Amino acid sequence: MKKSAAKPKLAALTAPAIRRPSRAEAEAAVATLLAWAGDNPAREGLRDTPARVARAYEEIFAGYQQDPASILDTVFEDVSGYGEMVLVRDIPFFSHCEHHMAPFFGKAHIAYYPDGGVFGLSKLGRLVDVYARRLQTQETMTAQILAALDARLHSRGAAVLIEAEHMCMSMRGVRKPGALTVTLQFSGPFKSDPAEQARFLSLVRDRR
């Protein structure tokens, strides 16, 4: 098992640097929102809510502090000639819509054709989390995951399918709970060959 020497830069896939407000500023902002919503941030039940929200946000949006290149740092080259599709399906995730900051959640399915090496299977789940733990659109998140895979592994092709329910659609607006949004992104033979797309989708849907 070896580490790949090549480490393509993924700078374009990471969030731009900005001035990060202090914890006190973040907590004050939460208190302002509580008051704007019509409640009293000083009452007993809400007194510690700004601090709790700030701590929760550190976990929920931890992806801003993580580098996808480090997640995909190790490529195992000793795969005994394996060159068929690798598929990890039903990867659960939770994210937040960048338009309303409402949660969306679902499953990601990732496949690729290795070309000289494979990722540890847990790395694909961690890669999903890096991008899910940011303010997102599902379309962007799908494209980012595929781009990170292609940049790091130089695979012969990859496929990403995400299906999710968006609370901004379920609990507000049109209020259609249970509606799923499906996004797909392909590269290599998955992009050029409809038969490869069909094979991928069949394996994703096969629940036997």
Protein backbone atom coordinates (compact mmCIF):
# COMPACT_ATOMS: atom_id res chain seq x y z
CA MET A 1 0.00 0.00 0.00
CA LYS A 2 1.45 3.33 -1.08
CA LYS A 3 0.66 6.97 -0.98
CA SER A 4 0.31 8.48 -4.39
CA ALA A 5 3.09 10.98 -5.04
CA ALA A 6 0.94 13.28 -7.12
CA LYS A 7 -1.27 15.63 -5.12
CA PRO A 8 -3.36 17.75 -7.48
CA LYS A 9 -4.47 21.02 -5.96
CA LEU A 10 -8.13 21.34 -5.09
CA ALA A 11 -7.99 25.04 -4.26
CA ALA A 12 -10.83 25.80 -6.65
CA LEU A 13 -13.05 23.38 -4.73
CA THR A 14 -12.56 24.91 -1.28
CA ALA A 15 -14.38 27.85 0.25
CA PRO A 16 -12.73 31.29 -0.13
CA ALA A 17 -11.15 32.78 2.98
CA ILE A 18 -13.17 35.47 4.77
CA ARG A 19 -12.94 37.24 8.10
CA ARG A 20 -14.52 34.94 10.64
CA PRO A 21 -16.54 36.78 13.30
CA SER A 22 -15.76 36.16 16.96
CA ARG A 23 -17.82 33.77 19.07
CA ALA A 24 -19.31 36.77 20.88
CA GLU A 25 -20.39 38.32 17.57
CA ALA A 26 -21.96 35.04 16.44
CA GLU A 27 -23.89 34.70 19.70
CA ALA A 28 -25.08 38.30 19.47
CA ALA A 29 -26.37 37.62 15.96
CA VAL A 30 -28.38 34.64 17.19
CA ALA A 31 -29.85 36.72 19.99
CA THR A 32 -30.88 39.35 17.43
CA LEU A 33 -32.64 36.71 15.32
CA LEU A 34 -34.48 35.38 18.37
CA ALA A 35 -35.72 38.87 19.16
CA TRP A 36 -36.64 39.49 15.50
CA ALA A 37 -38.67 36.24 15.51
CA GLY A 38 -40.70 37.72 18.37
CA ASP A 39 -39.28 36.03 21.46
CA ASN A 40 -37.24 37.31 24.39
CA PRO A 41 -33.62 36.10 24.22
CA ALA A 42 -33.22 36.93 27.91
CA ARG A 43 -35.90 34.52 29.14
CA GLU A 44 -34.74 31.38 30.93
CA GLY A 45 -35.36 28.92 28.09
CA LEU A 46 -33.46 31.04 25.56
CA ARG A 47 -30.74 32.51 27.76
CA ASP A 48 -28.12 29.96 26.68
CA THR A 49 -29.49 29.38 23.17
CA PRO A 50 -27.04 31.72 21.37
CA ALA A 51 -24.07 29.84 22.85
CA ARG A 52 -25.65 26.48 22.00
CA VAL A 53 -26.32 27.55 18.42
CA ALA A 54 -22.74 28.77 17.98
CA ARG A 55 -21.41 25.42 19.22
CA ALA A 56 -23.82 23.53 16.99
CA TYR A 57 -22.78 25.59 13.96
CA GLU A 58 -19.15 24.64 14.55
CA GLU A 59 -20.16 21.01 14.01
CA ILE A 60 -22.85 21.49 11.36
CA PHE A 61 -20.60 23.66 9.17
CA ALA A 62 -17.29 21.94 9.94
CA GLY A 63 -16.74 21.41 6.21
CA TYR A 64 -15.47 24.96 5.84
CA GLN A 65 -12.48 24.02 8.00
CA GLN A 66 -11.72 20.79 6.13
CA ASP A 67 -9.67 20.23 2.99
CA PRO A 68 -10.96 17.63 0.48
CA ALA A 69 -7.38 17.03 -0.68
CA SER A 70 -6.44 15.77 2.78
CA ILE A 71 -9.50 13.50 2.86
CA LEU A 72 -8.37 11.88 -0.41
CA ASP A 73 -4.69 11.91 0.50
CA THR A 74 -4.12 8.14 0.45
CA VAL A 75 -4.55 6.05 -2.67
CA PHE A 76 -3.96 2.30 -2.41
CA GLU A 77 -2.14 1.09 -5.49
CA ASP A 78 -1.90 -2.62 -4.64
CA VAL A 79 -5.31 -3.74 -5.90
CA SER A 80 -4.21 -6.92 -7.71
CA GLY A 81 -5.26 -5.71 -11.13
CA TYR A 82 -8.83 -4.77 -10.19
CA GLY A 83 -10.25 -2.43 -12.81
CA GLU A 84 -14.02 -2.79 -12.55
CA MET A 85 -16.46 -0.31 -11.07
CA VAL A 86 -16.22 0.56 -7.37
CA LEU A 87 -19.58 1.69 -5.97
CA VAL A 88 -20.42 2.94 -2.49
CA ARG A 89 -24.13 3.61 -2.24
CA ASP A 90 -26.54 4.88 0.41
CA ILE A 91 -24.07 7.29 2.04
CA PRO A 92 -26.28 9.33 4.43
CA PHE A 93 -25.69 13.07 4.76
CA PHE A 94 -27.20 16.23 6.22
CA SER A 95 -26.63 19.65 4.72
CA HIS A 96 -28.17 23.14 4.69
CA CYS A 97 -29.61 25.05 1.76
CA GLU A 98 -27.69 28.26 1.08
CA HIS A 99 -30.88 30.09 0.09
CA HIS A 100 -32.89 29.61 3.31
CA MET A 101 -30.38 27.92 5.65
CA ALA A 102 -32.94 25.13 6.00
CA PRO A 103 -31.73 21.53 6.23
CA PHE A 104 -31.74 19.07 3.37
CA PHE A 105 -30.79 15.45 3.81
CA GLY A 106 -30.63 12.19 1.95
CA LYS A 107 -28.18 9.74 0.44
CA ALA A 108 -25.23 9.96 -1.92
CA HIS A 109 -24.11 7.19 -4.27
CA ILE A 110 -20.57 7.30 -5.68
CA ALA A 111 -18.92 5.06 -8.28
CA TYR A 112 -15.64 5.20 -10.15
CA TYR A 113 -13.42 3.08 -12.37
CA PRO A 114 -9.98 2.87 -10.75
CA ASP A 115 -6.89 3.53 -12.81
CA GLY A 116 -3.84 2.48 -10.83
CA GLY A 117 -5.28 2.83 -7.35
CA VAL A 118 -8.36 2.94 -5.13
CA PHE A 119 -9.52 5.04 -2.19
CA GLY A 120 -10.24 3.59 1.22
CA LEU A 121 -14.01 3.15 1.24
CA SER A 122 -14.50 5.41 4.28
CA LYS A 123 -12.88 8.27 2.38
CA LEU A 124 -15.88 8.57 0.08
CA GLY A 125 -18.19 9.03 3.05
CA ARG A 126 -15.87 11.65 4.50
CA LEU A 127 -15.67 13.46 1.17
CA VAL A 128 -19.47 13.71 1.11
CA ASP A 129 -19.40 15.19 4.62
CA VAL A 130 -16.78 17.80 3.71
CA TYR A 131 -19.11 19.34 1.16
CA ALA A 132 -22.38 18.57 2.97
CA ARG A 133 -21.22 20.43 6.08
CA ARG A 134 -21.34 23.75 4.26
CA LEU A 135 -24.13 25.96 2.98
CA GLN A 136 -24.95 24.30 -0.31
CA THR A 137 -27.14 23.71 -3.27
CA GLN A 138 -27.56 20.04 -4.09
CA GLU A 139 -26.44 20.67 -7.66
CA THR A 140 -23.19 22.31 -6.56
CA MET A 141 -22.48 19.63 -3.98
CA THR A 142 -22.88 16.90 -6.62
CA ALA A 143 -20.45 18.66 -8.98
CA GLN A 144 -17.91 19.33 -6.20
CA ILE A 145 -17.77 15.69 -5.15
CA LEU A 146 -17.20 14.54 -8.72
CA ALA A 147 -14.55 17.19 -9.37
CA ALA A 148 -12.66 16.20 -6.21
CA LEU A 149 -12.68 12.55 -7.24
CA ASP A 150 -11.45 13.29 -10.75
CA ALA A 151 -8.75 15.70 -9.55
CA ARG A 152 -7.33 13.36 -6.94
CA LEU A 153 -7.61 9.86 -8.36
CA HIS A 154 -7.28 10.47 -12.10
CA SER A 155 -9.78 7.65 -12.47
CA ARG A 156 -11.12 6.45 -15.79
CA GLY A 157 -14.44 7.97 -14.85
CA ALA A 158 -16.71 8.65 -11.91
CA ALA A 159 -20.42 8.99 -11.19
CA VAL A 160 -22.21 10.78 -8.36
CA LEU A 161 -25.94 10.59 -7.65
CA ILE A 162 -27.54 12.45 -4.75
CA GLU A 163 -31.16 12.18 -3.68
CA ALA A 164 -32.43 14.43 -0.91
CA GLU A 165 -35.45 16.01 0.72
CA HIS A 166 -35.25 19.77 1.21
CA MET A 167 -36.92 21.30 4.24
CA CYS A 168 -37.16 24.63 2.42
CA MET A 169 -39.63 22.84 0.14
CA SER A 170 -41.22 20.54 2.75
CA MET A 171 -41.93 22.90 5.67
CA ARG A 172 -42.29 26.26 3.91
CA GLY A 173 -43.10 27.61 0.45
CA VAL A 174 -44.99 24.94 -1.51
CA ARG A 175 -44.94 22.60 1.54
CA LYS A 176 -44.52 19.29 -0.25
CA PRO A 177 -43.02 16.89 2.31
CA GLY A 178 -41.56 13.68 0.91
CA ALA A 179 -40.61 15.16 -2.47
CA LEU A 180 -37.09 14.07 -3.43
CA THR A 181 -34.62 15.97 -5.58
CA VAL A 182 -32.20 13.83 -7.61
CA THR A 183 -28.97 15.19 -9.10
CA LEU A 184 -26.37 13.34 -11.16
CA GLN A 185 -22.91 14.12 -12.45
CA PHE A 186 -20.76 11.91 -14.68
CA SER A 187 -17.24 11.85 -16.09
CA GLY A 188 -15.31 9.50 -18.35
CA PRO A 189 -17.24 6.49 -19.69
CA PHE A 190 -20.17 7.29 -17.41
CA LYS A 191 -20.58 10.57 -19.28
CA SER A 192 -20.02 9.26 -22.81
CA ASP A 193 -21.69 5.85 -22.69
CA PRO A 194 -25.43 5.56 -21.88
CA ALA A 195 -24.91 1.87 -21.12
CA GLU A 196 -22.49 2.77 -18.31
CA GLN A 197 -24.99 5.26 -16.92
CA ALA A 198 -27.70 2.60 -17.01
CA ARG A 199 -25.42 0.09 -15.27
CA PHE A 200 -24.60 2.58 -12.52
CA LEU A 201 -28.26 3.50 -11.99
CA SER A 202 -29.27 -0.17 -11.94
CA LEU A 203 -26.71 -0.96 -9.24
CA VAL A 204 -27.81 2.04 -7.20
CA ARG A 205 -31.47 1.02 -7.39
CA ASP A 206 -30.86 -2.70 -6.78
CA ARG A 207 -31.80 -3.25 -3.11
CA ARG A 208 -31.61 -7.05 -3.04
